[in-house]
Protein backbone atom coordinates (compact mmCIF):
# COMPACT_ATOMS: atom_id res chain seq x y z
CA UNK A 1 -17.47 -9.10 38.75
CA UNK A 2 -16.90 -11.31 41.05
CA UNK A 3 -14.69 -11.46 44.04
CA UNK A 4 -12.83 -14.23 45.20
CA UNK A 5 -13.57 -14.64 49.33
CA UNK A 6 -10.94 -16.60 50.00
CA UNK A 7 -8.14 -15.44 47.34
CA UNK A 8 -5.20 -17.87 45.93
CA UNK A 9 -6.11 -20.41 49.58
CA UNK A 10 -9.54 -21.54 47.70
CA UNK A 11 -9.98 -19.11 44.39
CA UNK A 12 -8.73 -17.99 42.06
CA UNK A 13 -8.85 -15.39 38.80
CA UNK A 14 -7.76 -15.98 35.82
CA UNK A 15 -7.98 -13.94 33.50
CA UNK A 16 -8.40 -13.87 29.50
CA UNK A 17 -7.93 -10.53 28.24
CA UNK A 18 -4.67 -11.09 28.04
CA UNK A 19 -5.51 -13.38 25.13
CA UNK A 20 -7.03 -10.84 23.51
CA UNK A 21 -4.78 -8.72 21.00
CA UNK A 22 -6.02 -4.64 21.85
CA UNK A 23 -4.39 -3.02 19.07
CA UNK A 24 -6.83 -5.61 16.40
CA UNK A 25 -9.76 -3.81 18.58
CA UNK A 26 -8.74 -0.72 19.02
CA UNK A 27 -8.27 0.18 15.57
CA UNK A 28 -11.84 -0.58 14.99
CA UNK A 29 -12.66 1.37 18.39
CA UNK A 30 -15.39 3.18 16.56
CA UNK A 31 -17.23 0.64 15.08
CA UNK A 32 -17.39 -1.41 18.26
CA UNK A 33 -19.18 1.62 20.68
CA UNK A 34 -21.24 2.01 17.66
CA UNK A 35 -22.59 -1.43 18.04
CA UNK A 36 -21.97 -2.23 21.61
CA UNK A 37 -24.39 0.87 22.21
CA UNK A 38 -26.77 0.15 19.20
CA UNK A 39 -27.39 -3.75 20.77
CA UNK A 40 -28.07 -1.97 24.15
CA UNK A 41 -30.22 0.44 22.68
CA UNK A 42 -32.28 -2.67 20.39
CA UNK A 43 -32.21 -4.72 23.96
CA UNK A 44 -34.29 -2.33 26.01
CA UNK A 45 -36.85 -1.47 23.00
CA UNK A 46 -37.06 -4.58 22.60
CA UNK A 47 -37.61 -5.52 26.00
CA UNK A 48 -40.44 -2.04 26.41
CA UNK A 49 -42.40 -4.00 23.90
CA UNK A 50 -42.19 -7.22 25.46
CA UNK A 51 -43.26 -5.07 28.55
CA UNK A 52 -46.54 -3.78 27.09
CA UNK A 53 -47.64 -7.27 25.26
CA UNK A 54 -47.00 -8.49 28.61
CA UNK A 55 -49.37 -6.13 30.69
CA UNK A 56 -52.09 -6.11 27.84
CA UNK A 57 -52.56 -10.27 28.87
CA UNK A 58 -52.12 -8.85 32.11
CA UNK A 59 -55.13 -7.32 31.30
CA UNK A 60 -56.89 -9.85 29.65
CA UNK A 61 -56.09 -12.49 32.24
CA UNK A 62 -57.65 -9.96 34.83
CA UNK A 63 -60.57 -9.26 32.55
CA UNK A 64 -61.61 -13.22 32.29
CA UNK A 65 -61.18 -13.51 36.48
CA UNK A 66 -63.67 -11.43 37.23
CA UNK A 67 -65.63 -13.82 35.15
CA UNK A 68 -64.75 -16.77 36.59
CA UNK A 69 -66.03 -19.46 39.29
CA UNK A 70 -62.13 -19.60 41.33
CA UNK A 71 -64.56 -22.25 43.58
CA UNK A 72 -66.24 -24.45 41.14
CA UNK A 73 -62.30 -24.42 39.47
CA UNK A 74 -60.29 -25.29 42.86
CA UNK A 75 -63.46 -27.61 43.51
CA UNK A 76 -62.95 -29.14 40.09
CA UNK A 77 -59.04 -29.00 40.88
CA UNK A 78 -59.79 -31.24 44.18
CA UNK A 79 -61.60 -33.79 41.70
CA UNK A 80 -58.42 -33.86 39.03
CA UNK A 81 -55.93 -34.08 42.32
CA UNK A 82 -58.10 -37.73 43.57
CA UNK A 83 -58.06 -39.16 40.30
CA UNK A 84 -54.50 -38.20 38.92
CA UNK A 85 -52.14 -37.42 42.02
CA UNK A 86 -51.49 -40.22 44.32
CA UNK A 87 -49.52 -40.01 47.50
CA UNK A 88 -45.83 -40.54 48.33
CA UNK A 89 -45.17 -39.93 51.40
CA UNK A 90 -41.80 -38.81 50.67
CA UNK A 91 -40.04 -35.02 50.96
CA UNK A 92 -41.59 -32.64 48.79
CA UNK A 93 -39.84 -30.51 46.50
CA UNK A 94 -40.35 -27.89 43.76
CA UNK A 95 -38.45 -26.69 40.49
CA UNK A 96 -39.28 -23.96 38.98
CA UNK A 97 -38.95 -23.26 35.02
CA UNK A 98 -39.62 -22.12 31.57
CA UNK A 99 -41.68 -23.66 28.67
CA UNK A 100 -41.97 -21.05 26.76
CA UNK A 101 -40.58 -17.11 25.30
CA UNK A 102 -41.05 -14.98 23.13
CA UNK A 103 -37.51 -15.13 21.00
CA UNK A 104 -36.15 -13.84 17.58
CA UNK A 105 -37.64 -16.38 15.65
CA UNK A 106 -41.18 -15.54 17.44
CA UNK A 107 -43.15 -17.54 20.64
CA UNK A 108 -40.18 -21.36 20.74
CA UNK A 109 -42.28 -23.43 23.25
CA UNK A 110 -40.52 -26.72 24.65
CA UNK A 111 -43.32 -28.96 23.68
CA UNK A 112 -41.21 -32.26 22.99
CA UNK A 113 -40.75 -31.82 26.81
CA UNK A 114 -44.46 -32.66 27.84
CA UNK A 115 -44.34 -36.16 26.21
CA UNK A 116 -40.74 -37.14 27.73
CA UNK A 117 -41.71 -35.71 31.02
CA UNK A 118 -45.40 -37.49 31.26
CA UNK A 119 -47.73 -40.64 29.89
CA UNK A 120 -50.61 -38.74 31.22
CA UNK A 121 -51.48 -35.20 29.40
CA UNK A 122 -54.36 -32.89 31.08
CA UNK A 123 -54.65 -30.37 28.58
CA UNK A 124 -56.46 -26.74 30.31
CA UNK A 125 -57.88 -25.53 27.30
CA UNK A 126 -57.69 -21.77 28.31
CA UNK A 127 -57.04 -18.38 26.31
CA UNK A 128 -56.96 -15.60 28.71
CA UNK A 129 -55.18 -17.96 31.46
CA UNK A 130 -57.86 -17.33 34.60
CA UNK A 131 -59.69 -20.33 34.77
CA UNK A 132 -55.83 -22.64 34.86
CA UNK A 133 -54.28 -20.43 36.73
CA UNK A 134 -56.78 -21.66 39.54
CA UNK A 135 -56.42 -24.77 39.26
CA UNK A 136 -52.72 -25.01 38.57
CA UNK A 137 -52.44 -22.97 42.24
CA UNK A 138 -54.50 -25.46 43.60
CA UNK A 139 -52.75 -28.51 42.03
CA UNK A 140 -49.18 -27.88 42.52
CA UNK A 141 -50.22 -27.15 46.20
CA UNK A 142 -52.04 -31.19 46.65
CA UNK A 143 -48.85 -32.46 44.69
CA UNK A 144 -46.83 -31.11 47.60
CA UNK A 145 -49.33 -32.06 50.42
CA UNK A 146 -48.85 -35.80 48.59
CA UNK A 147 -45.15 -35.60 49.18
CA UNK A 148 -44.09 -35.24 45.31
CA UNK A 149 -41.25 -33.86 43.76
CA UNK A 150 -42.84 -30.92 40.89
CA UNK A 151 -41.42 -29.28 37.95
CA UNK A 152 -43.86 -25.90 38.55
CA UNK A 153 -43.22 -23.95 34.82
CA UNK A 154 -44.65 -20.59 35.14
CA UNK A 155 -45.55 -17.81 32.04
CA UNK A 156 -42.83 -16.08 31.05
CA UNK A 157 -44.72 -12.57 30.04
CA UNK A 158 -45.70 -13.31 33.87
CA UNK A 159 -42.66 -15.29 35.38
CA UNK A 160 -43.42 -14.55 39.36
CA UNK A 161 -48.00 -15.18 39.48
CA UNK A 162 -48.78 -17.18 36.48
CA UNK A 163 -48.42 -21.09 36.68
CA UNK A 164 -48.95 -22.41 32.80
CA UNK A 165 -47.61 -25.88 33.45
CA UNK A 166 -47.27 -28.66 35.96
CA UNK A 167 -45.04 -31.48 35.96
CA UNK A 168 -45.06 -34.23 38.46
CA UNK A 169 -42.42 -37.01 36.45
CA UNK A 170 -42.34 -39.81 39.39
CA UNK A 171 -45.95 -40.28 38.35
CA UNK A 172 -45.35 -39.40 34.67
CA UNK A 173 -47.85 -36.89 34.79
CA UNK A 174 -48.65 -32.94 33.42
CA UNK A 175 -51.07 -30.81 33.58
CA UNK A 176 -50.60 -28.13 30.76
CA UNK A 177 -52.22 -24.95 29.36
CA UNK A 178 -53.44 -24.27 25.32
CA UNK A 179 -53.97 -21.33 24.47
CA UNK A 180 -53.24 -19.43 20.40
CA UNK A 181 -49.93 -18.72 21.59
CA UNK A 182 -49.19 -22.38 22.22
CA UNK A 183 -51.21 -25.02 21.17
CA UNK A 184 -50.66 -28.21 22.56
CA UNK A 185 -52.19 -31.21 20.24
CA UNK A 186 -51.50 -35.14 21.83
CA UNK A 187 -52.56 -37.91 21.18
CA UNK A 188 -54.61 -39.67 24.33
CA UNK A 189 -54.36 -36.15 26.17
CA UNK A 190 -57.45 -35.09 27.92
CA UNK A 191 -58.67 -31.49 27.12
CA UNK A 192 -60.70 -29.57 30.23
CA UNK A 193 -62.22 -26.68 28.65
CA UNK A 194 -61.76 -23.86 30.99
CA UNK A 195 -64.79 -21.78 29.42
CA UNK A 196 -66.42 -24.31 31.46
CA UNK A 197 -65.91 -22.53 34.89
CA UNK A 198 -66.87 -19.02 33.05
CA UNK A 199 -69.68 -16.75 32.50
CA UNK A 200 -69.62 -16.15 28.99
CA UNK A 201 -72.24 -13.38 28.49
CA UNK A 202 -69.29 -11.81 31.29
CA UNK A 203 -67.10 -12.97 28.48
CA UNK A 204 -69.45 -11.38 26.23
CA UNK A 205 -69.99 -8.05 27.14
CA UNK A 206 -66.18 -7.33 27.49
CA UNK A 207 -65.19 -8.84 23.76
CA UNK A 208 -64.23 -5.63 22.35
CA UNK A 209 -61.79 -5.26 25.28
CA UNK A 210 -60.21 -8.49 24.64
CA UNK A 211 -60.00 -8.33 20.66
CA UNK A 212 -58.42 -4.80 21.09
CA UNK A 213 -55.85 -6.39 23.40
CA UNK A 214 -54.81 -9.40 21.33
CA UNK A 215 -54.65 -7.85 18.00
CA UNK A 216 -52.41 -5.51 20.24
CA UNK A 217 -50.51 -8.00 21.86
CA UNK A 218 -49.46 -9.88 18.55
CA UNK A 219 -48.37 -6.55 16.96
CA UNK A 220 -45.78 -5.95 19.42
CA UNK A 221 -44.75 -9.85 20.03
CA UNK A 222 -44.42 -9.42 15.88
CA UNK A 223 -41.85 -5.89 16.57
CA UNK A 224 -40.88 -7.43 19.21
CA UNK A 225 -39.22 -10.56 17.86
CA UNK A 226 -38.18 -7.86 15.18
CA UNK A 227 -36.29 -5.70 16.84
CA UNK A 228 -34.26 -8.70 18.34
CA UNK A 229 -33.40 -9.86 15.51
CA UNK A 230 -31.93 -6.70 14.36
CA UNK A 231 -29.61 -6.83 17.45
CA UNK A 232 -28.14 -10.26 17.33
CA UNK A 233 -27.19 -9.02 14.10
CA UNK A 234 -25.28 -6.23 16.08
CA UNK A 235 -24.06 -9.21 18.57
CA UNK A 236 -22.93 -10.71 15.65
CA UNK A 237 -21.01 -8.19 14.67
CA UNK A 238 -19.36 -7.58 17.52
CA UNK A 239 -18.71 -11.56 18.23
CA UNK A 240 -16.83 -11.63 14.81
CA UNK A 241 -14.49 -8.23 15.97
CA UNK A 242 -13.28 -10.46 19.03
CA UNK A 243 -12.88 -13.55 16.96
CA UNK A 244 -10.30 -11.70 14.75
CA UNK A 245 -8.90 -10.42 17.52
CA UNK A 246 -8.40 -13.96 20.00
CA UNK A 247 -5.74 -15.60 20.11
CA UNK A 248 -6.92 -19.24 20.74
CA UNK A 249 -3.52 -20.85 21.49
CA UNK A 250 -3.66 -18.72 24.35
CA UNK A 251 -6.70 -19.84 25.45
CA UNK A 252 -5.53 -24.08 25.31
CA UNK A 253 -2.60 -22.56 27.28
CA UNK A 254 -4.98 -21.16 30.06
CA UNK A 255 -7.81 -24.44 29.86
CA UNK A 256 -4.62 -26.75 30.80
CA UNK A 257 -3.27 -24.02 33.56
CA UNK A 258 -7.23 -24.10 34.87
CA UNK A 259 -7.15 -28.10 34.46
CA UNK A 260 -3.68 -29.03 36.02
CA UNK A 261 -3.13 -26.47 38.35
CA UNK A 262 -6.10 -25.13 40.55
């Protein structure tokens, strides 16, 4: 709820509750309450599954990070910066976006955005996101220091600390992470296999743990998507009750009032 800071003088409240026939809704009060409660429980359950999956993905990233030569990765980021990122002399700016998410349809990845924003596509092939994370943080700093507007895309499973993709629109350039959850394949892309920065023997020693995490994450993702489908069905049923109770003529009048009065 938002309250006006300067009531009427600058802001107003327009209530649309009058557009709803409360008698129609109250006639189905028990069904509506049940659906709201069921929807809430399903959303909370799906969130717990997604959170658990995120914890396991973080564990796998930490395992891979312990086997990663981060100094070598940062040095290579400097090489990439010198090759691809020129100085602009402008004030830098950063926008934060997501490019993928787990939904009721499974993992949705907006790969078309890559083709629309970039002609030069550098793909960091990295299943666990440890080396690519190191590279992308370094490239992000380089781009900002060179005065570019950038779009930084964090992993939806770790949206505060793990960068997955970086776009520099003015250069038509992007650095993007490819893994089994969102593989990336474009004609003409340059692919960097991030195992070059890893101690492969160290990863082999931790293979059972990594495989367990992967299987568990896949199952948690599948269950979370299924639960989200159930939540959507509840939402659709609730929406139908409210649609049937809405006076759309009143809404049209409210719309005209907003256009002509406020």
